[in-house]
Amino acid sequence: MWCARFTENQLKTLKELIRIQGEVGDDLEGALEALELARWDDLPEAELPWKMIADQAELQGISEADVIWDMAGRRKEDPAPRIKAPVKRQPKRTANGRRRSTT
């Protein structure tokens, strides 16, 4: 892991460099989000939701650090595709209008 401090102008430049790459994929989108969130370290009023983190840790039987790690790795997921109900087909009829036997 590495750490770097940037001025506002440097952050703005880095974001623009990422955006001019064209189509921004998941990795570059994550980099943009990280650059935006990196500013939180300098804001004194920025806090983690400790109550929710502690509750989740207790509920799952894990440490608060694990909950934060899970939150940090969360990615936006596409919604699951809808499953279509199977189409019920009527049994075929014979020439005289009766249904064919299934046996």
Protein backbone atom coordinates (compact mmCIF):
# COMPACT_ATOMS: atom_id res chain seq x y z
CA MET A 1 0.00 0.00 0.00
CA TRP A 2 1.23 3.51 -0.70
CA CYS A 3 0.21 6.96 0.37
CA ALA A 4 0.47 10.27 -1.48
CA ARG A 5 -0.78 13.78 -0.78
CA PHE A 6 -1.99 15.99 -3.61
CA THR A 7 -3.07 19.59 -3.81
CA GLU A 8 -6.54 20.40 -5.13
CA ASN A 9 -5.03 21.32 -8.52
CA GLN A 10 -3.10 18.04 -8.66
CA LEU A 11 -6.25 16.07 -7.81
CA LYS A 12 -8.18 17.92 -10.51
CA THR A 13 -5.42 17.18 -13.04
CA LEU A 14 -5.32 13.49 -12.14
CA LYS A 15 -9.09 13.21 -12.54
CA GLU A 16 -8.94 14.90 -15.93
CA LEU A 17 -6.11 12.59 -17.04
CA ILE A 18 -8.27 9.60 -16.16
CA ARG A 19 -11.35 11.00 -17.91
CA ILE A 20 -9.52 11.76 -21.18
CA GLN A 21 -8.59 8.08 -21.50
CA GLY A 22 -11.91 7.61 -23.26
CA GLU A 23 -14.15 4.87 -21.99
CA VAL A 24 -13.64 4.65 -18.24
CA GLY A 25 -13.82 1.01 -17.11
CA ASP A 26 -14.30 -0.38 -13.62
CA ASP A 27 -10.67 0.12 -12.61
CA LEU A 28 -10.47 3.75 -13.70
CA GLU A 29 -13.93 4.44 -12.26
CA GLY A 30 -12.63 3.07 -8.97
CA ALA A 31 -9.58 5.31 -9.23
CA LEU A 32 -11.79 8.36 -9.76
CA GLU A 33 -13.91 7.40 -6.75
CA ALA A 34 -10.77 6.88 -4.64
CA LEU A 35 -9.44 10.30 -5.62
CA GLU A 36 -12.74 11.87 -4.60
CA LEU A 37 -12.85 9.99 -1.31
CA ALA A 38 -9.19 10.77 -0.59
CA ARG A 39 -10.19 14.33 0.25
CA TRP A 40 -12.19 13.04 3.23
CA ASP A 41 -8.97 12.50 5.17
CA ASP A 42 -8.46 16.25 5.37
CA LEU A 43 -11.96 17.08 6.52
CA PRO A 44 -12.35 17.13 10.32
CA GLU A 45 -16.11 16.50 10.21
CA ALA A 46 -15.76 13.39 8.05
CA GLU A 47 -16.49 10.32 10.16
CA LEU A 48 -17.29 6.70 9.61
CA PRO A 49 -20.72 5.48 10.73
CA TRP A 50 -19.25 3.73 13.79
CA LYS A 51 -22.60 2.68 15.26
CA MET A 52 -23.55 0.86 12.06
CA ILE A 53 -20.05 -0.62 11.75
CA ALA A 54 -20.10 -1.91 15.34
CA ASP A 55 -23.60 -3.36 14.86
CA GLN A 56 -22.58 -5.13 11.65
CA ALA A 57 -19.41 -6.49 13.25
CA GLU A 58 -21.38 -7.90 16.19
CA LEU A 59 -24.10 -9.31 13.94
CA GLN A 60 -21.60 -11.06 11.67
CA GLY A 61 -19.18 -12.06 14.43
CA ILE A 62 -16.25 -10.23 12.83
CA SER A 63 -14.08 -7.25 13.77
CA GLU A 64 -14.93 -3.64 12.97
CA ALA A 65 -11.85 -3.55 10.73
CA ASP A 66 -13.34 -6.40 8.66
CA VAL A 67 -16.60 -4.49 8.25
CA ILE A 68 -14.69 -1.40 7.06
CA TRP A 69 -12.67 -3.57 4.68
CA ASP A 70 -15.90 -5.00 3.26
CA MET A 71 -17.37 -1.51 2.87
CA ALA A 72 -14.24 -0.26 1.10
CA GLY A 73 -14.32 -3.09 -1.42
CA ARG A 74 -17.97 -2.72 -2.27
CA ARG A 75 -18.60 -2.20 -5.96
CA LYS A 76 -21.70 -1.26 -7.80
CA GLU A 77 -23.24 -4.41 -9.18
CA ASP A 78 -25.53 -4.72 -12.14
CA PRO A 79 -29.00 -5.89 -11.20
CA ALA A 80 -29.60 -9.59 -11.70
CA PRO A 81 -31.34 -10.38 -14.99
CA ARG A 82 -35.03 -11.10 -14.75
CA ILE A 83 -35.98 -14.73 -15.10
CA LYS A 84 -38.89 -15.30 -17.43
CA ALA A 85 -41.55 -17.74 -16.32
CA PRO A 86 -41.65 -20.89 -18.45
CA VAL A 87 -44.30 -20.84 -21.14
CA LYS A 88 -46.97 -23.50 -20.67
CA ARG A 89 -47.86 -25.07 -23.95
CA GLN A 90 -51.15 -26.75 -24.65
CA PRO A 91 -50.94 -30.36 -25.82
CA LYS A 92 -51.22 -30.74 -29.57
CA ARG A 93 -54.56 -31.85 -30.94
CA THR A 94 -55.17 -34.56 -33.48
CA ALA A 95 -57.02 -34.00 -36.73
CA ASN A 96 -60.36 -34.88 -35.12
CA GLY A 97 -59.89 -32.28 -32.36
CA ARG A 98 -58.86 -34.62 -29.56
CA ARG A 99 -55.79 -34.12 -27.49
CA ARG A 100 -52.91 -36.45 -28.09
CA SER A 101 -52.18 -38.83 -25.27
CA THR A 102 -48.96 -38.19 -23.39
CA THR A 103 -48.23 -41.88 -22.85
